[in-house]
Protein backbone atom coordinates (compact mmCIF):
# COMPACT_ATOMS: atom_id res chain seq x y z
CA MET A 1 12.36 -39.04 214.71
CA ALA A 2 9.22 -36.97 214.86
CA ILE A 3 6.92 -36.86 217.82
CA LEU A 4 3.88 -39.08 217.47
CA ILE A 5 0.63 -37.24 218.17
CA THR A 6 -0.74 -40.24 220.05
CA ASP A 7 2.30 -40.39 222.35
CA MET A 8 2.10 -36.67 223.06
CA CYS A 9 -1.62 -36.80 223.92
CA THR A 10 -1.05 -39.74 226.25
CA GLY A 11 2.00 -38.06 227.80
CA ILE A 12 0.09 -34.85 228.50
CA LYS A 13 -2.85 -36.82 229.92
CA SER A 14 -0.54 -38.78 232.23
CA VAL A 15 0.65 -35.48 233.72
CA VAL A 16 -2.56 -33.45 233.95
CA GLU A 17 -4.63 -36.32 235.36
CA LEU A 18 -2.45 -36.08 238.48
CA ALA A 19 -3.93 -32.67 239.29
CA THR A 20 -5.78 -32.53 242.60
CA GLY A 21 -9.53 -32.86 242.09
CA VAL A 22 -9.59 -34.65 238.73
CA GLU A 23 -12.33 -37.29 238.73
CA ARG A 24 -11.86 -38.59 235.17
CA ALA A 25 -9.37 -38.03 232.35
CA TYR A 26 -9.99 -38.91 228.71
CA ASP A 27 -7.19 -39.47 226.20
CA TYR A 28 -7.43 -38.74 222.46
CA ASN A 29 -8.89 -42.21 221.81
CA GLU A 30 -11.38 -42.09 224.68
CA MET A 31 -13.18 -38.83 223.83
CA PRO A 32 -16.65 -39.01 225.31
CA GLU A 33 -19.90 -38.11 223.59
CA ALA A 34 -21.23 -37.02 226.99
CA VAL A 35 -20.00 -36.70 230.59
CA ASN A 36 -22.03 -37.23 233.74
CA ASN A 37 -21.85 -34.44 236.28
CA ALA A 38 -20.71 -37.06 238.83
CA ASP A 39 -17.54 -37.52 236.72
CA THR A 40 -16.57 -33.85 236.89
CA PRO A 41 -14.11 -32.28 237.08
CA ALA A 42 -13.06 -34.19 233.98
CA LEU A 43 -10.29 -33.65 231.42
CA VAL A 44 -10.28 -34.28 227.68
CA VAL A 45 -6.88 -34.23 225.92
CA TYR A 46 -6.65 -33.92 222.13
CA PHE A 47 -4.45 -32.73 219.28
CA GLN A 48 -5.43 -29.41 217.72
CA ALA A 49 -2.81 -28.14 215.27
CA LEU A 50 0.74 -28.31 213.96
CA GLU A 51 2.98 -25.55 212.67
CA GLU A 52 6.33 -26.26 211.06
CA ASP A 53 8.94 -23.54 210.81
CA PRO A 54 10.54 -23.23 207.42
CA THR A 55 14.11 -24.43 207.18
CA ASN A 56 16.60 -21.69 206.54
CA GLU A 57 20.23 -21.90 205.48
CA THR A 58 21.21 -18.97 207.69
CA ALA A 59 19.17 -19.63 210.83
CA SER A 60 21.33 -21.02 213.61
CA SER A 61 18.29 -22.64 215.25
CA THR A 62 17.70 -24.93 212.25
CA PHE A 63 21.35 -26.00 211.97
CA ARG A 64 21.68 -25.13 208.28
CA SER A 65 18.32 -26.67 207.30
CA VAL A 66 19.06 -30.08 208.79
CA VAL A 67 16.65 -29.77 211.74
CA ARG A 68 12.95 -29.12 211.31
CA GLN A 69 11.25 -27.22 214.10
CA ARG A 70 7.62 -27.90 214.86
CA ASN A 71 5.07 -26.44 217.24
CA TRP A 72 2.49 -29.04 218.22
CA VAL A 73 -0.70 -27.64 219.76
CA PHE A 74 -2.73 -29.77 222.16
CA HIS A 75 -5.87 -28.87 224.07
CA VAL A 76 -6.78 -29.98 227.54
CA ASP A 77 -10.43 -29.17 228.10
CA VAL A 78 -11.29 -29.16 231.79
CA LEU A 79 -14.98 -29.76 232.39
CA ALA A 80 -15.20 -28.23 235.85
CA ALA A 81 -18.95 -28.67 236.36
CA GLN A 82 -22.25 -28.54 234.55
CA ARG A 83 -23.09 -24.89 234.09
CA ASN A 84 -25.70 -23.93 236.68
CA HIS A 85 -24.69 -21.82 239.70
CA LEU A 86 -21.93 -19.59 238.36
CA ASN A 87 -20.44 -18.80 241.76
CA GLU A 88 -20.01 -22.53 242.50
CA ASN A 89 -18.86 -23.27 238.94
CA ASN A 90 -16.28 -20.48 239.12
CA GLU A 91 -14.90 -21.78 242.41
CA VAL A 92 -14.35 -25.26 240.94
CA MET A 93 -12.87 -23.76 237.77
CA CYS A 94 -10.36 -21.65 239.72
CA LYS A 95 -9.30 -24.59 241.90
CA MET A 96 -8.84 -26.82 238.85
CA THR A 97 -6.84 -24.15 237.03
CA ASP A 98 -4.46 -23.84 239.99
CA ALA A 99 -4.16 -27.64 240.30
CA ILE A 100 -3.32 -28.14 236.63
CA ILE A 101 -0.79 -25.31 236.65
CA ASP A 102 0.84 -27.02 239.64
CA VAL A 103 1.29 -30.32 237.77
CA LEU A 104 2.42 -28.63 234.55
CA GLU A 105 5.11 -26.84 236.54
CA THR A 106 6.52 -30.23 237.60
CA GLN A 107 7.66 -30.66 233.99
CA ASP A 108 11.03 -29.07 234.57
CA ARG A 109 13.31 -31.14 232.33
CA ARG A 110 13.36 -33.00 229.03
CA PRO A 111 11.81 -35.04 227.69
CA TYR A 112 8.67 -33.14 228.61
CA PHE A 113 5.61 -35.28 229.26
CA GLY A 114 7.88 -38.33 228.90
CA VAL A 115 8.00 -37.99 225.10
CA ASN A 116 11.36 -38.00 223.35
CA GLY A 117 11.67 -34.98 221.08
CA ALA A 118 9.52 -32.69 223.24
CA GLU A 119 12.19 -30.02 223.73
CA GLN A 120 10.15 -27.07 225.03
CA PHE A 121 6.57 -26.29 225.94
CA LYS A 122 4.40 -23.40 226.94
CA PHE A 123 0.77 -23.12 227.88
CA THR A 124 -2.08 -20.69 228.13
CA ALA A 125 -5.44 -21.13 229.80
CA GLU A 126 -8.81 -19.54 229.15
CA ARG A 127 -12.25 -19.85 230.65
CA VAL A 128 -14.70 -21.55 228.32
CA VAL A 129 -18.17 -23.01 228.17
CA ILE A 130 -17.93 -26.44 226.55
CA ASN A 131 -20.99 -28.08 225.07
CA LEU A 132 -20.78 -31.85 225.25
CA GLY A 133 -23.73 -34.15 224.74
CA ALA A 134 -26.15 -31.17 224.66
CA VAL A 135 -24.96 -30.12 228.13
CA ASP A 136 -22.98 -26.95 228.86
CA PHE A 137 -19.98 -27.35 231.13
CA TYR A 138 -18.19 -24.46 232.77
CA GLY A 139 -14.50 -25.02 232.30
CA ILE A 140 -11.00 -24.12 231.27
CA ARG A 141 -9.14 -24.82 228.06
CA PHE A 142 -5.42 -25.26 228.46
CA ILE A 143 -3.62 -24.75 225.17
CA ILE A 144 -0.27 -26.52 225.38
CA THR A 145 2.26 -25.86 222.65
CA VAL A 146 5.13 -28.35 222.47
CA ARG A 147 8.20 -27.48 220.43
CA SER A 148 10.27 -30.18 218.80
CA PHE A 149 13.40 -29.99 216.71
């Protein structure tokens, strides 16, 4: 059975919202048009992309074309603070990055994020400025790639 995108978004949200300092977390079906500064740091979790590996008769990882491997890409946008005083914004961003890494590292066995079929995952993080509701937020984008097979 394939992973459902909705289950994966909710599973990721249920983990990252436990990070120290999170004021509000939004799932895929709660995406806000705007966020008040009082609700930051806030998280927005959503599906971004899917890549399916081709089946191959000779590849041992696809078990003679019976198993399809997929890489599911999800974004967790962390709105650390409204962009104003960069030194303060950067401090919040760094603390939130550390806190989210801490909770992601608690995912040390399958099924990852509580979703059956989530066999492996990796993540990257990058500093971003996110425009939401005509307001710029200083933040971090975690790119979480979940592998299923």
